[in-house]
């Protein structure tokens, strides 16, 4: 069952152009948040393509990054997320110096 991202008041991102968000119940107290592309692709007969954005525990009001589409990762601060994904950027070496 697809729900609206409006169910999560802390979720402030606007979907990138050509995309939308879907929310599904993943486990007890946890929603999965999906980024949906509305481009038409031949490999899936023109259906929308989905990628996991992350998870939200609505009892504790916490966001989690994905390990993959079925595994909840570590807790993340919403301010460290981006409209495309909740996975944190891991800067290495000189990259960290320039940020």
PDB file of N, CA and C in Angstrom:
ATOM      1  N   UNK A   1       0.843  -1.174   0.000  1.00  0.00           N
ATOM      2  CA  UNK A   1       0.000   0.000   0.000  1.00  0.00           C
ATOM      3  C   UNK A   1       0.892   1.243   0.000  1.00  0.00           C
ATOM      4  N   UNK A   2       0.729   2.109  -0.972  1.00  0.00           N
ATOM      5  CA  UNK A   2       1.519   3.331  -1.076  1.00  0.00           C
ATOM      6  C   UNK A   2       0.853   4.455  -0.308  1.00  0.00           C
ATOM      7  N   UNK A   3       1.643   5.121   0.516  1.00  0.00           N
ATOM      8  CA  UNK A   3       1.166   6.235   1.319  1.00  0.00           C
ATOM      9  C   UNK A   3       1.866   7.508   0.870  1.00  0.00           C
ATOM     10  N   UNK A   4       1.364   8.628   1.326  1.00  0.00           N
ATOM     11  CA  UNK A   4       1.966   9.914   0.964  1.00  0.00           C
ATOM     12  C   UNK A   4       3.112  10.250   1.907  1.00  0.00           C
ATOM     13  N   UNK A   5       4.131  10.906   1.368  1.00  0.00           N
ATOM     14  CA  UNK A   5       5.260  11.339   2.187  1.00  0.00           C
ATOM     15  C   UNK A   5       4.815  12.423   3.178  1.00  0.00           C
ATOM     16  N   UNK A   6       3.628  12.978   2.987  1.00  0.00           N
ATOM     17  CA  UNK A   6       3.085  13.977   3.915  1.00  0.00           C
ATOM     18  C   UNK A   6       2.818  13.389   5.293  1.00  0.00           C
ATOM     19  N   UNK A   7       2.812  12.067   5.404  1.00  0.00           N
ATOM     20  CA  UNK A   7       2.645  11.416   6.709  1.00  0.00           C
ATOM     21  C   UNK A   7       3.841  11.666   7.624  1.00  0.00           C
ATOM     22  N   UNK A   8       4.956  12.078   7.042  1.00  0.00           N
ATOM     23  CA  UNK A   8       6.182  12.293   7.812  1.00  0.00           C
ATOM     24  C   UNK A   8       6.437  13.798   7.870  1.00  0.00           C
ATOM     25  N   UNK A   9       6.017  14.464   8.926  1.00  0.00           N
ATOM     26  CA  UNK A   9       6.144  15.928   8.982  1.00  0.00           C
ATOM     27  C   UNK A   9       7.586  16.417   8.963  1.00  0.00           C
ATOM     28  N   UNK A  10       8.543  15.609   9.416  1.00  0.00           N
ATOM     29  CA  UNK A  10       9.945  16.015   9.440  1.00  0.00           C
ATOM     30  C   UNK A  10      10.596  15.913   8.057  1.00  0.00           C
ATOM     31  N   UNK A  11       9.929  15.276   7.100  1.00  0.00           N
ATOM     32  CA  UNK A  11      10.484  15.083   5.765  1.00  0.00           C
ATOM     33  C   UNK A  11      10.260  16.356   4.950  1.00  0.00           C
ATOM     34  N   UNK A  12      11.311  17.158   4.786  1.00  0.00           N
ATOM     35  CA  UNK A  12      11.199  18.478   4.156  1.00  0.00           C
ATOM     36  C   UNK A  12      11.675  18.520   2.710  1.00  0.00           C
ATOM     37  N   UNK A  13      12.234  17.430   2.178  1.00  0.00           N
ATOM     38  CA  UNK A  13      12.738  17.439   0.810  1.00  0.00           C
ATOM     39  C   UNK A  13      11.593  17.531  -0.198  1.00  0.00           C
ATOM     40  N   UNK A  14      11.855  18.222  -1.286  1.00  0.00           N
ATOM     41  CA  UNK A  14      10.971  18.221  -2.448  1.00  0.00           C
ATOM     42  C   UNK A  14      11.571  17.252  -3.449  1.00  0.00           C
ATOM     43  N   UNK A  15      10.741  16.457  -4.084  1.00  0.00           N
ATOM     44  CA  UNK A  15      11.242  15.480  -5.055  1.00  0.00           C
ATOM     45  C   UNK A  15      11.898  16.201  -6.227  1.00  0.00           C
ATOM     46  N   UNK A  16      13.032  15.682  -6.715  1.00  0.00           N
ATOM     47  CA  UNK A  16      13.660  16.268  -7.911  1.00  0.00           C
ATOM     48  C   UNK A  16      12.698  16.223  -9.102  1.00  0.00           C
ATOM     49  N   UNK A  17      12.962  17.051 -10.109  1.00  0.00           N
ATOM     50  CA  UNK A  17      12.092  17.114 -11.282  1.00  0.00           C
ATOM     51  C   UNK A  17      12.020  15.742 -11.960  1.00  0.00           C
ATOM     52  N   UNK A  18      10.798  15.305 -12.254  1.00  0.00           N
ATOM     53  CA  UNK A  18      10.594  14.006 -12.888  1.00  0.00           C
ATOM     54  C   UNK A  18      10.511  12.854 -11.910  1.00  0.00           C
ATOM     55  N   UNK A  19      10.554  13.152 -10.621  1.00  0.00           N
ATOM     56  CA  UNK A  19      10.525  12.128  -9.567  1.00  0.00           C
ATOM     57  C   UNK A  19       9.418  12.437  -8.568  1.00  0.00           C
ATOM     58  N   UNK A  20       9.069  11.444  -7.776  1.00  0.00           N
ATOM     59  CA  UNK A  20       8.147  11.627  -6.658  1.00  0.00           C
ATOM     60  C   UNK A  20       8.571  10.672  -5.547  1.00  0.00           C
ATOM     61  N   UNK A  21       7.991  10.847  -4.379  1.00  0.00           N
ATOM     62  CA  UNK A  21       8.265   9.961  -3.248  1.00  0.00           C
ATOM     63  C   UNK A  21       7.047   9.096  -2.968  1.00  0.00           C
ATOM     64  N   UNK A  22       7.298   7.860  -2.553  1.00  0.00           N
ATOM     65  CA  UNK A  22       6.257   6.955  -2.056  1.00  0.00           C
ATOM     66  C   UNK A  22       6.687   6.442  -0.697  1.00  0.00           C
ATOM     67  N   UNK A  23       5.717   6.210   0.154  1.00  0.00           N
ATOM     68  CA  UNK A  23       5.979   5.673   1.494  1.00  0.00           C
ATOM     69  C   UNK A  23       5.188   4.381   1.643  1.00  0.00           C
ATOM     70  N   UNK A  24       5.842   3.357   2.160  1.00  0.00           N
ATOM     71  CA  UNK A  24       5.186   2.070   2.432  1.00  0.00           C
ATOM     72  C   UNK A  24       5.512   1.638   3.846  1.00  0.00           C
ATOM     73  N   UNK A  25       4.607   0.882   4.439  1.00  0.00           N
ATOM     74  CA  UNK A  25       4.913   0.312   5.745  1.00  0.00           C
ATOM     75  C   UNK A  25       5.889  -0.832   5.520  1.00  0.00           C
ATOM     76  N   UNK A  26       7.043  -0.770   6.190  1.00  0.00           N
ATOM     77  CA  UNK A  26       8.098  -1.763   6.000  1.00  0.00           C
ATOM     78  C   UNK A  26       8.041  -2.824   7.092  1.00  0.00           C
ATOM     79  N   UNK A  27       8.105  -2.396   8.316  1.00  0.00           N
ATOM     80  CA  UNK A  27       7.983  -3.256   9.491  1.00  0.00           C
ATOM     81  C   UNK A  27       7.179  -2.490  10.517  1.00  0.00           C
ATOM     82  N   UNK A  28       6.949  -3.101  11.635  1.00  0.00           N
ATOM     83  CA  UNK A  28       6.236  -2.423  12.701  1.00  0.00           C
ATOM     84  C   UNK A  28       7.004  -1.162  13.094  1.00  0.00           C
ATOM     85  N   UNK A  29       6.342  -0.027  13.079  1.00  0.00           N
ATOM     86  CA  UNK A  29       6.881   1.285  13.447  1.00  0.00           C
ATOM     87  C   UNK A  29       7.836   1.864  12.409  1.00  0.00           C
ATOM     88  N   UNK A  30       8.043   1.215  11.264  1.00  0.00           N
ATOM     89  CA  UNK A  30       9.023   1.695  10.283  1.00  0.00           C
ATOM     90  C   UNK A  30       8.380   1.833   8.905  1.00  0.00           C
ATOM     91  N   UNK A  31       8.557   3.013   8.307  1.00  0.00           N
ATOM     92  CA  UNK A  31       8.145   3.264   6.929  1.00  0.00           C
ATOM     93  C   UNK A  31       9.361   3.190   6.028  1.00  0.00           C
ATOM     94  N   UNK A  32       9.200   2.664   4.829  1.00  0.00           N
ATOM     95  CA  UNK A  32      10.241   2.777   3.807  1.00  0.00           C
ATOM     96  C   UNK A  32       9.850   3.940   2.902  1.00  0.00           C
ATOM     97  N   UNK A  33      10.835   4.756   2.536  1.00  0.00           N
ATOM     98  CA  UNK A  33      10.616   5.908   1.679  1.00  0.00           C
ATOM     99  C   UNK A  33      11.308   5.618   0.350  1.00  0.00           C
ATOM    100  N   UNK A  34      10.552   5.687  -0.739  1.00  0.00           N
ATOM    101  CA  UNK A  34      11.048   5.351  -2.065  1.00  0.00           C
ATOM    102  C   UNK A  34      11.067   6.590  -2.952  1.00  0.00           C
ATOM    103  N   UNK A  35      12.115   6.711  -3.762  1.00  0.00           N
ATOM    104  CA  UNK A  35      12.202   7.739  -4.784  1.00  0.00           C
ATOM    105  C   UNK A  35      11.791   7.077  -6.105  1.00  0.00           C
ATOM    106  N   UNK A  36      10.768   7.638  -6.756  1.00  0.00           N
ATOM    107  CA  UNK A  36      10.188   7.032  -7.947  1.00  0.00           C
ATOM    108  C   UNK A  36      10.493   7.894  -9.167  1.00  0.00           C
ATOM    109  N   UNK A  37      11.122   7.290 -10.182  1.00  0.00           N
ATOM    110  CA  UNK A  37      11.393   7.967 -11.448  1.00  0.00           C
ATOM    111  C   UNK A  37      10.241   7.683 -12.399  1.00  0.00           C
ATOM    112  N   UNK A  38       9.744   8.738 -13.050  1.00  0.00           N
ATOM    113  CA  UNK A  38       8.619   8.571 -13.965  1.00  0.00           C
ATOM    114  C   UNK A  38       9.053   8.519 -15.427  1.00  0.00           C
ATOM    115  N   UNK A  39      10.371   8.367 -15.669  1.00  0.00           N
ATOM    116  CA  UNK A  39      10.855   8.167 -17.037  1.00  0.00           C
ATOM    117  C   UNK A  39      10.451   6.781 -17.513  1.00  0.00           C
ATOM    118  N   UNK A  40      10.265   6.648 -18.783  1.00  0.00           N
ATOM    119  CA  UNK A  40       9.885   5.363 -19.371  1.00  0.00           C
ATOM    120  C   UNK A  40      11.150   4.622 -19.809  1.00  0.00           C
ATOM    121  N   UNK A  41      11.271   3.377 -19.360  1.00  0.00           N
ATOM    122  CA  UNK A  41      12.392   2.527 -19.734  1.00  0.00           C
ATOM    123  C   UNK A  41      11.872   1.272 -20.417  1.00  0.00           C
ATOM    124  N   UNK A  42      12.597   0.781 -21.415  1.00  0.00           N
ATOM    125  CA  UNK A  42      12.171  -0.415 -22.135  1.00  0.00           C
ATOM    126  C   UNK A  42      12.260  -1.673 -21.280  1.00  0.00           C
ATOM    127  N   UNK A  43      13.260  -1.747 -20.388  1.00  0.00           N
ATOM    128  CA  UNK A  43      13.473  -2.994 -19.642  1.00  0.00           C
ATOM    129  C   UNK A  43      12.335  -3.319 -18.678  1.00  0.00           C
ATOM    130  N   UNK A  44      11.524  -2.334 -18.326  1.00  0.00           N
ATOM    131  CA  UNK A  44      10.405  -2.620 -17.419  1.00  0.00           C
ATOM    132  C   UNK A  44       9.067  -2.239 -18.042  1.00  0.00           C
ATOM    133  N   UNK A  45       9.022  -2.203 -19.365  1.00  0.00           N
ATOM    134  CA  UNK A  45       7.789  -1.928 -20.112  1.00  0.00           C
ATOM    135  C   UNK A  45       7.164  -0.576 -19.771  1.00  0.00           C
ATOM    136  N   UNK A  46       7.980   0.415 -19.482  1.00  0.00           N
ATOM    137  CA  UNK A  46       7.486   1.769 -19.253  1.00  0.00           C
ATOM    138  C   UNK A  46       6.930   2.051 -17.872  1.00  0.00           C
ATOM    139  N   UNK A  47       7.049   1.113 -16.949  1.00  0.00           N
ATOM    140  CA  UNK A  47       6.557   1.340 -15.582  1.00  0.00           C
ATOM    141  C   UNK A  47       7.518   2.253 -14.830  1.00  0.00           C
ATOM    142  N   UNK A  48       7.040   2.955 -13.815  1.00  0.00           N
ATOM    143  CA  UNK A  48       7.947   3.784 -13.006  1.00  0.00           C
ATOM    144  C   UNK A  48       9.020   2.925 -12.330  1.00  0.00           C
ATOM    145  N   UNK A  49      10.212   3.501 -12.185  1.00  0.00           N
ATOM    146  CA  UNK A  49      11.337   2.815 -11.557  1.00  0.00           C
ATOM    147  C   UNK A  49      11.539   3.383 -10.166  1.00  0.00           C
ATOM    148  N   UNK A  50      11.740   2.501  -9.181  1.00  0.00           N
ATOM    149  CA  UNK A  50      11.877   2.942  -7.792  1.00  0.00           C
ATOM    150  C   UNK A  50      13.255   2.617  -7.244  1.00  0.00           C
ATOM    151  N   UNK A  51      13.717   3.495  -6.356  1.00  0.00           N
ATOM    152  CA  UNK A  51      14.943   3.250  -5.611  1.00  0.00           C
ATOM    153  C   UNK A  51      14.687   3.641  -4.160  1.00  0.00           C
ATOM    154  N   UNK A  52      15.307   2.943  -3.245  1.00  0.00           N
ATOM    155  CA  UNK A  52      15.064   3.231  -1.835  1.00  0.00           C
ATOM    156  C   UNK A  52      15.750   4.540  -1.449  1.00  0.00           C
ATOM    157  N   UNK A  53      15.016   5.436  -0.790  1.00  0.00           N
ATOM    158  CA  UNK A  53      15.591   6.668  -0.257  1.00  0.00           C
ATOM    159  C   UNK A  53      16.113   6.408   1.143  1.00  0.00           C
ATOM    160  N   UNK A  54      15.319   5.729   1.963  1.00  0.00           N
ATOM    161  CA  UNK A  54      15.701   5.425   3.338  1.00  0.00           C
ATOM    162  C   UNK A  54      14.502   4.944   4.136  1.00  0.00           C
ATOM    163  N   UNK A  55      14.647   4.929   5.454  1.00  0.00           N
ATOM    164  CA  UNK A  55      13.586   4.482   6.343  1.00  0.00           C
ATOM    165  C   UNK A  55      13.325   5.521   7.413  1.00  0.00           C
ATOM    166  N   UNK A  56      12.104   5.456   7.962  1.00  0.00           N
ATOM    167  CA  UNK A  56      11.703   6.377   9.017  1.00  0.00           C
ATOM    168  C   UNK A  56      10.976   5.589  10.095  1.00  0.00           C
ATOM    169  N   UNK A  57      11.484   5.666  11.334  1.00  0.00           N
ATOM    170  CA  UNK A  57      10.816   5.060  12.484  1.00  0.00           C
ATOM    171  C   UNK A  57       9.877   6.112  13.050  1.00  0.00           C
ATOM    172  N   UNK A  58       8.579   5.913  12.859  1.00  0.00           N
ATOM    173  CA  UNK A  58       7.620   6.940  13.263  1.00  0.00           C
ATOM    174  C   UNK A  58       7.326   6.969  14.752  1.00  0.00           C
ATOM    175  N   UNK A  59       7.704   5.969  15.497  1.00  0.00           N
ATOM    176  CA  UNK A  59       7.556   6.022  16.958  1.00  0.00           C
ATOM    177  C   UNK A  59       8.666   6.856  17.587  1.00  0.00           C
ATOM    178  N   UNK A  60       9.892   6.732  17.056  1.00  0.00           N
ATOM    179  CA  UNK A  60      11.047   7.446  17.606  1.00  0.00           C
ATOM    180  C   UNK A  60      11.421   8.686  16.801  1.00  0.00           C
ATOM    181  N   UNK A  61      10.727   8.931  15.664  1.00  0.00           N
ATOM    182  CA  UNK A  61      11.010  10.076  14.779  1.00  0.00           C
ATOM    183  C   UNK A  61      12.472  10.085  14.336  1.00  0.00           C
ATOM    184  N   UNK A  62      12.950   8.933  13.854  1.00  0.00           N
ATOM    185  CA  UNK A  62      14.339   8.793  13.416  1.00  0.00           C
ATOM    186  C   UNK A  62      14.385   8.344  11.959  1.00  0.00           C
ATOM    187  N   UNK A  63      15.365   8.899  11.213  1.00  0.00           N
ATOM    188  CA  UNK A  63      15.620   8.479   9.833  1.00  0.00           C
ATOM    189  C   UNK A  63      16.814   7.537   9.807  1.00  0.00           C
ATOM    190  N   UNK A  64      16.779   6.579   8.869  1.00  0.00           N
ATOM    191  CA  UNK A  64      17.854   5.606   8.724  1.00  0.00           C
ATOM    192  C   UNK A  64      18.265   5.519   7.260  1.00  0.00           C
ATOM    193  N   UNK A  65      19.561   5.352   7.026  1.00  0.00           N
ATOM    194  CA  UNK A  65      20.057   5.194   5.665  1.00  0.00           C
ATOM    195  C   UNK A  65      19.892   3.740   5.235  1.00  0.00           C
ATOM    196  N   UNK A  66      19.875   3.479   3.919  1.00  0.00           N
ATOM    197  CA  UNK A  66      19.746   2.101   3.454  1.00  0.00           C
ATOM    198  C   UNK A  66      21.099   1.402   3.326  1.00  0.00           C
ATOM    199  N   UNK A  67      21.104   0.116   3.584  1.00  0.00           N
ATOM    200  CA  UNK A  67      22.230  -0.742   3.214  1.00  0.00           C
ATOM    201  C   UNK A  67      21.927  -1.271   1.813  1.00  0.00           C
ATOM    202  N   UNK A  68      20.701  -1.744   1.640  1.00  0.00           N
ATOM    203  CA  UNK A  68      20.146  -2.103   0.332  1.00  0.00           C
ATOM    204  C   UNK A  68      18.632  -1.928   0.447  1.00  0.00           C
ATOM    205  N   UNK A  69      17.874  -2.388  -0.512  1.00  0.00           N
ATOM    206  CA  UNK A  69      16.436  -2.101  -0.511  1.00  0.00           C
ATOM    207  C   UNK A  69      15.647  -2.868   0.544  1.00  0.00           C
ATOM    208  N   UNK A  70      16.289  -3.805   1.235  1.00  0.00           N
ATOM    209  CA  UNK A  70      15.576  -4.568   2.266  1.00  0.00           C
ATOM    210  C   UNK A  70      16.234  -4.500   3.640  1.00  0.00           C
ATOM    211  N   UNK A  71      17.329  -3.746   3.774  1.00  0.00           N
ATOM    212  CA  UNK A  71      18.071  -3.706   5.029  1.00  0.00           C
ATOM    213  C   UNK A  71      18.215  -2.270   5.523  1.00  0.00           C
ATOM    214  N   UNK A  72      17.763  -2.040   6.755  1.00  0.00           N
ATOM    215  CA  UNK A  72      17.879  -0.727   7.377  1.00  0.00           C
ATOM    216  C   UNK A  72      19.308  -0.536   7.868  1.00  0.00           C
ATOM    217  N   UNK A  73      19.877   0.628   7.576  1.00  0.00           N
ATOM    218  CA  UNK A  73      21.250   0.931   7.987  1.00  0.00           C
ATOM    219  C   UNK A  73      21.295   1.753   9.263  1.00  0.00           C
ATOM    220  N   UNK A  74      22.286   2.620   9.332  1.00  0.00           N
ATOM    221  CA  UNK A  74      22.510   3.438  10.526  1.00  0.00           C
ATOM    222  C   UNK A  74      21.586   4.643  10.562  1.00  0.00           C
ATOM    223  N   UNK A  75      21.358   5.144  11.764  1.00  0.00           N
ATOM    224  CA  UNK A  75      20.558   6.356  11.939  1.00  0.00           C
ATOM    225  C   UNK A  75      21.313   7.544  11.344  1.00  0.00           C
ATOM    226  N   UNK A  76      20.565   8.443  10.692  1.00  0.00           N
ATOM    227  CA  UNK A  76      21.150   9.652  10.118  1.00  0.00           C
ATOM    228  C   UNK A  76      20.324  10.860  10.542  1.00  0.00           C
ATOM    229  N   UNK A  77      20.992  12.019  10.620  1.00  0.00           N
ATOM    230  CA  UNK A  77      20.270  13.260  10.861  1.00  0.00           C
ATOM    231  C   UNK A  77      19.653  13.700   9.539  1.00  0.00           C
ATOM    232  N   UNK A  78      18.424  14.174   9.579  1.00  0.00           N
ATOM    233  CA  UNK A  78      17.766  14.584   8.342  1.00  0.00           C
ATOM    234  C   UNK A  78      18.541  15.699   7.641  1.00  0.00           C
ATOM    235  N   UNK A  79      19.176  16.558   8.399  1.00  0.00           N
ATOM    236  CA  UNK A  79      19.941  17.662   7.803  1.00  0.00           C
ATOM    237  C   UNK A  79      21.137  17.156   6.985  1.00  0.00           C
ATOM    238  N   UNK A  80      21.566  15.922   7.201  1.00  0.00           N
ATOM    239  CA  UNK A  80      22.674  15.342   6.443  1.00  0.00           C
ATOM    240  C   UNK A  80      22.217  14.573   5.207  1.00  0.00           C
ATOM    241  N   UNK A  81      20.911  14.546   4.952  1.00  0.00           N
ATOM    242  CA  UNK A  81      20.385  13.805   3.805  1.00  0.00           C
ATOM    243  C   UNK A  81      20.208  14.741   2.611  1.00  0.00           C
ATOM    244  N   UNK A  82      19.953  14.134   1.448  1.00  0.00           N
ATOM    245  CA  UNK A  82      19.725  14.888   0.220  1.00  0.00           C
ATOM    246  C   UNK A  82      18.430  14.383  -0.412  1.00  0.00           C
ATOM    247  N   UNK A  83      17.857  15.138  -1.364  1.00  0.00           N
ATOM    248  CA  UNK A  83      16.619  14.671  -1.995  1.00  0.00           C
ATOM    249  C   UNK A  83      16.759  13.322  -2.699  1.00  0.00           C
ATOM    250  N   UNK A  84      17.970  12.954  -3.118  1.00  0.00           N
ATOM    251  CA  UNK A  84      18.164  11.703  -3.841  1.00  0.00           C
ATOM    252  C   UNK A  84      18.311  10.494  -2.926  1.00  0.00           C
ATOM    253  N   UNK A  85      18.899  10.670  -1.732  1.00  0.00           N
ATOM    254  CA  UNK A  85      19.162   9.535  -0.846  1.00  0.00           C
ATOM    255  C   UNK A  85      19.427  10.018   0.582  1.00  0.00           C
ATOM    256  N   UNK A  86      19.251   9.119   1.528  1.00  0.00           N
ATOM    257  CA  UNK A  86      19.590   9.429   2.917  1.00  0.00           C
ATOM    258  C   UNK A  86      20.981   8.914   3.280  1.00  0.00           C
ATOM    259  N   UNK A  87      21.670   8.288   2.325  1.00  0.00           N
ATOM    260  CA  UNK A  87      23.015   7.783   2.598  1.00  0.00           C
ATOM    261  C   UNK A  87      23.960   8.966   2.802  1.00  0.00           C
ATOM    262  N   UNK A  88      24.717   8.958   3.887  1.00  0.00           N
ATOM    263  CA  UNK A  88      25.639  10.083   4.136  1.00  0.00           C
ATOM    264  C   UNK A  88      26.824  10.042   3.171  1.00  0.00           C
ATOM    265  N   UNK A  89      27.344  11.228   2.860  1.00  0.00           N
ATOM    266  CA  UNK A  89      28.532  11.307   2.023  1.00  0.00           C
ATOM    267  C   UNK A  89      29.740  11.028   2.903  1.00  0.00           C
ATOM    268  N   UNK A  90      30.580  10.097   2.472  1.00  0.00           N
ATOM    269  CA  UNK A  90      31.769   9.728   3.229  1.00  0.00           C
ATOM    270  C   UNK A  90      32.984  10.325   2.526  1.00  0.00           C
ATOM    271  N   UNK A  91      33.386  11.510   2.973  1.00  0.00           N
ATOM    272  CA  UNK A  91      34.533  12.171   2.366  1.00  0.00           C
ATOM    273  C   UNK A  91      35.824  11.521   2.856  1.00  0.00           C
ATOM    274  N   UNK A  92      36.764  11.280   1.927  1.00  0.00           N
ATOM    275  CA  UNK A  92      38.037  10.647   2.241  1.00  0.00           C
ATOM    276  C   UNK A  92      39.188  11.621   1.962  1.00  0.00           C
ATOM    277  N   UNK A  93      40.173  11.635   2.780  1.00  0.00           N
ATOM    278  CA  UNK A  93      41.407  12.383   2.539  1.00  0.00           C
ATOM    279  C   UNK A  93      41.178  13.850   2.246  1.00  0.00           C
ATOM    280  N   UNK A  94      41.678  14.321   1.113  1.00  0.00           N
ATOM    281  CA  UNK A  94      41.591  15.733   0.737  1.00  0.00           C
ATOM    282  C   UNK A  94      40.166  16.199   0.479  1.00  0.00           C
ATOM    283  N   UNK A  95      39.274  15.287   0.140  1.00  0.00           N
ATOM    284  CA  UNK A  95      37.872  15.674  -0.073  1.00  0.00           C
ATOM    285  C   UNK A  95      37.306  16.349   1.161  1.00  0.00           C
ATOM    286  N   UNK A  96      37.612  15.818   2.323  1.00  0.00           N
ATOM    287  CA  UNK A  96      37.106  16.365   3.579  1.00  0.00           C
ATOM    288  C   UNK A  96      37.646  17.776   3.827  1.00  0.00           C
ATOM    289  N   UNK A  97      38.829  18.061   3.356  1.00  0.00           N
ATOM    290  CA  UNK A  97      39.437  19.369   3.535  1.00  0.00           C
ATOM    291  C   UNK A  97      38.700  20.446   2.743  1.00  0.00           C
ATOM    292  N   UNK A  98      38.183  20.097   1.562  1.00  0.00           N
ATOM    293  CA  UNK A  98      37.539  21.077   0.690  1.00  0.00           C
ATOM    294  C   UNK A  98      36.068  21.265   0.943  1.00  0.00           C
ATOM    295  N   UNK A  99      35.503  20.545   1.850  1.00  0.00           N
ATOM    296  CA  UNK A  99      34.065  20.672   2.121  1.00  0.00           C
ATOM    297  C   UNK A  99      33.822  21.677   3.210  1.00  0.00           C
TER     298      UNK A  99
END
